Amino acid sequence: MLITRLFAATVLACTLLSSGLLHAAETSRDLKQEEANRTLVLAFYDQFFNQHKIDEAAKVLTDNYRQHNPYVPDGKAPMVDYFRGFFKENPEARAKIVRSATDGDLVYLHVHFTNNPTDRGQAIVDIFRVENNRITEHWDVVQDVPETAANDNSMF
């Protein structure tokens, strides 16, 4: 009886594992497209947040650009207007991309953002959705860089 149960459990586990592996093989990634998406987002980010060429950079945003940051409005035009004001008040603002990654239609950036050269800044993880070579959606997580830390590890 115990052997029968163990055999049944083994068969079930093997079936579940193989179905998961088959599913993973069916949903292969298009690494060429992911790299194109990453290149698009990196160029947008540099133009927008470092060069402050807002109008030029915004050409890759869809008109109905969806924003998940609660302080920035939805839509390309409202987002551009928001940052136009921000850069007017913070002309030295810069963003150093520390690392980037992709997964399907998502591009992830780990960024050190500063408002000026003396600002400790913020550690930011930005996530962009890219569809048809246009940025359609954005999420971010923002954390201030503290003066002192409880450990010796860098945030970057």
Protein backbone atom coordinates (compact mmCIF):
# COMPACT_ATOMS: atom_id res chain seq x y z
CA MET A 1 0.00 0.00 0.00
CA LEU A 2 2.75 2.45 0.95
CA ILE A 3 4.71 1.53 -2.17
CA THR A 4 1.63 2.12 -4.33
CA ARG A 5 1.14 5.58 -2.82
CA LEU A 6 4.81 6.45 -3.27
CA PHE A 7 4.67 5.29 -6.89
CA ALA A 8 1.52 7.34 -7.53
CA ALA A 9 3.09 10.42 -5.93
CA THR A 10 6.24 9.98 -8.04
CA VAL A 11 4.23 9.65 -11.25
CA LEU A 12 2.19 12.75 -10.36
CA ALA A 13 5.33 14.74 -9.54
CA CYS A 14 6.99 13.70 -12.81
CA THR A 15 3.86 14.61 -14.76
CA LEU A 16 3.67 18.06 -13.16
CA LEU A 17 7.38 18.69 -13.70
CA SER A 18 7.30 17.64 -17.33
CA SER A 19 4.23 19.74 -18.07
CA GLY A 20 5.97 22.76 -16.54
CA LEU A 21 9.09 22.13 -18.57
CA LEU A 22 7.06 21.73 -21.74
CA HIS A 23 5.26 25.00 -21.01
CA ALA A 24 8.58 26.77 -20.45
CA ALA A 25 9.87 25.49 -23.78
CA GLU A 26 6.70 26.73 -25.55
CA THR A 27 7.10 30.26 -24.21
CA SER A 28 10.63 30.99 -25.40
CA ARG A 29 11.91 34.54 -25.17
CA ASP A 30 12.66 36.75 -28.16
CA LEU A 31 16.03 38.05 -26.96
CA LYS A 32 16.57 40.14 -30.08
CA GLN A 33 13.33 42.05 -29.43
CA GLU A 34 14.09 42.33 -25.72
CA GLU A 35 17.48 43.89 -26.53
CA ALA A 36 15.80 46.31 -28.96
CA ASN A 37 13.37 47.25 -26.17
CA ARG A 38 16.25 47.75 -23.72
CA THR A 39 18.13 49.93 -26.22
CA LEU A 40 14.98 52.02 -26.80
CA VAL A 41 14.43 52.58 -23.07
CA LEU A 42 18.11 53.38 -22.39
CA ALA A 43 18.13 55.99 -25.18
CA PHE A 44 14.83 57.47 -23.94
CA TYR A 45 16.09 57.63 -20.36
CA ASP A 46 19.35 59.36 -21.27
CA GLN A 47 17.64 61.92 -23.52
CA PHE A 48 14.87 62.59 -21.03
CA PHE A 49 16.59 62.53 -17.63
CA ASN A 50 20.18 63.54 -18.48
CA GLN A 51 20.02 65.70 -21.59
CA HIS A 52 16.57 67.05 -20.71
CA LYS A 53 15.54 66.80 -24.37
CA ILE A 54 12.02 66.13 -23.25
CA ASP A 55 10.12 66.59 -26.50
CA GLU A 56 12.60 64.53 -28.53
CA ALA A 57 12.68 61.72 -25.97
CA ALA A 58 8.89 61.67 -25.60
CA LYS A 59 8.45 60.63 -29.24
CA VAL A 60 8.78 57.00 -28.11
CA LEU A 61 5.95 57.30 -25.56
CA THR A 62 2.43 56.36 -26.59
CA ASP A 63 -0.18 59.11 -26.25
CA ASN A 64 -2.06 57.01 -23.67
CA TYR A 65 1.16 56.26 -21.73
CA ARG A 66 0.14 54.67 -18.41
CA GLN A 67 1.92 55.86 -15.27
CA HIS A 68 1.90 53.96 -11.96
CA ASN A 69 3.91 56.54 -10.00
CA PRO A 70 1.20 58.22 -7.88
CA TYR A 71 2.81 61.66 -8.29
CA VAL A 72 2.99 61.70 -12.11
CA PRO A 73 -0.14 61.87 -14.28
CA ASP A 74 -1.15 59.37 -16.99
CA GLY A 75 -0.68 60.27 -20.64
CA LYS A 76 2.30 61.46 -22.65
CA ALA A 77 1.45 65.19 -22.61
CA PRO A 78 0.74 65.42 -18.85
CA MET A 79 3.90 63.43 -18.06
CA VAL A 80 6.01 65.69 -20.27
CA ASP A 81 4.49 68.80 -18.66
CA TYR A 82 5.18 67.41 -15.18
CA PHE A 83 8.87 66.85 -15.91
CA ARG A 84 9.25 70.10 -17.84
CA GLY A 85 8.41 71.85 -14.55
CA PHE A 86 10.63 69.50 -12.56
CA PHE A 87 13.67 70.14 -14.78
CA LYS A 88 13.03 73.88 -14.71
CA GLU A 89 13.33 73.70 -10.91
CA ASN A 90 16.16 71.11 -11.02
CA PRO A 91 18.28 71.85 -14.11
CA GLU A 92 21.20 69.77 -12.80
CA ALA A 93 19.10 66.64 -12.24
CA ARG A 94 20.80 63.52 -13.61
CA ALA A 95 20.20 59.78 -13.69
CA LYS A 96 23.02 57.23 -13.72
CA ILE A 97 21.82 53.85 -14.91
CA VAL A 98 23.66 51.27 -12.84
CA ARG A 99 22.18 48.14 -14.43
CA SER A 100 19.40 47.07 -16.74
CA ALA A 101 17.55 43.87 -17.58
CA THR A 102 14.65 42.65 -19.67
CA ASP A 103 11.91 40.07 -19.44
CA GLY A 104 9.54 39.85 -22.37
CA ASP A 105 8.04 43.29 -23.01
CA LEU A 106 9.40 44.72 -19.74
CA VAL A 107 12.66 46.65 -19.29
CA TYR A 108 14.08 47.13 -15.79
CA LEU A 109 16.50 49.89 -14.79
CA HIS A 110 18.37 50.33 -11.50
CA VAL A 111 19.19 54.03 -11.30
CA HIS A 112 21.01 56.51 -9.07
CA PHE A 113 19.09 59.76 -9.52
CA THR A 114 20.35 63.09 -8.18
CA ASN A 115 18.86 66.59 -8.32
CA ASN A 116 22.31 68.25 -8.27
CA PRO A 117 25.97 67.27 -7.80
CA THR A 118 25.84 67.52 -3.98
CA ASP A 119 22.60 65.52 -3.61
CA ARG A 120 22.97 61.97 -2.20
CA GLY A 121 20.03 61.18 -4.41
CA GLN A 122 17.68 58.28 -4.69
CA ALA A 123 17.96 54.64 -5.63
CA ILE A 124 15.27 53.91 -8.20
CA VAL A 125 14.04 50.81 -9.95
CA ASP A 126 12.12 51.77 -13.07
CA ILE A 127 10.07 49.25 -15.03
CA PHE A 128 8.88 50.08 -18.54
CA ARG A 129 6.52 48.13 -20.79
CA VAL A 130 7.39 48.38 -24.49
CA GLU A 131 4.93 47.46 -27.25
CA ASN A 132 5.57 47.95 -30.98
CA ASN A 133 8.77 49.92 -30.27
CA ARG A 134 6.94 52.44 -28.06
CA ILE A 135 6.95 52.84 -24.28
CA THR A 136 3.40 52.24 -23.08
CA GLU A 137 3.61 51.89 -19.31
CA HIS A 138 5.85 52.69 -16.31
CA TRP A 139 6.26 51.64 -12.67
CA ASP A 140 8.91 52.72 -10.21
CA VAL A 141 10.14 52.16 -6.69
CA VAL A 142 12.08 55.06 -5.14
CA GLN A 143 14.26 55.04 -2.04
CA ASP A 144 16.29 57.97 -0.68
CA VAL A 145 20.01 57.34 -0.25
CA PRO A 146 20.56 57.85 3.49
CA GLU A 147 23.45 59.75 5.04
CA THR A 148 24.40 56.66 7.04
CA ALA A 149 23.51 53.00 6.60
CA ALA A 150 23.23 50.05 8.96
CA ASN A 151 25.68 48.13 6.73
CA ASP A 152 28.66 48.76 4.44
CA ASN A 153 26.82 47.70 1.28
CA SER A 154 26.22 50.22 -1.46
CA MET A 155 22.68 50.76 -2.71
CA PHE A 156 24.17 50.45 -6.17
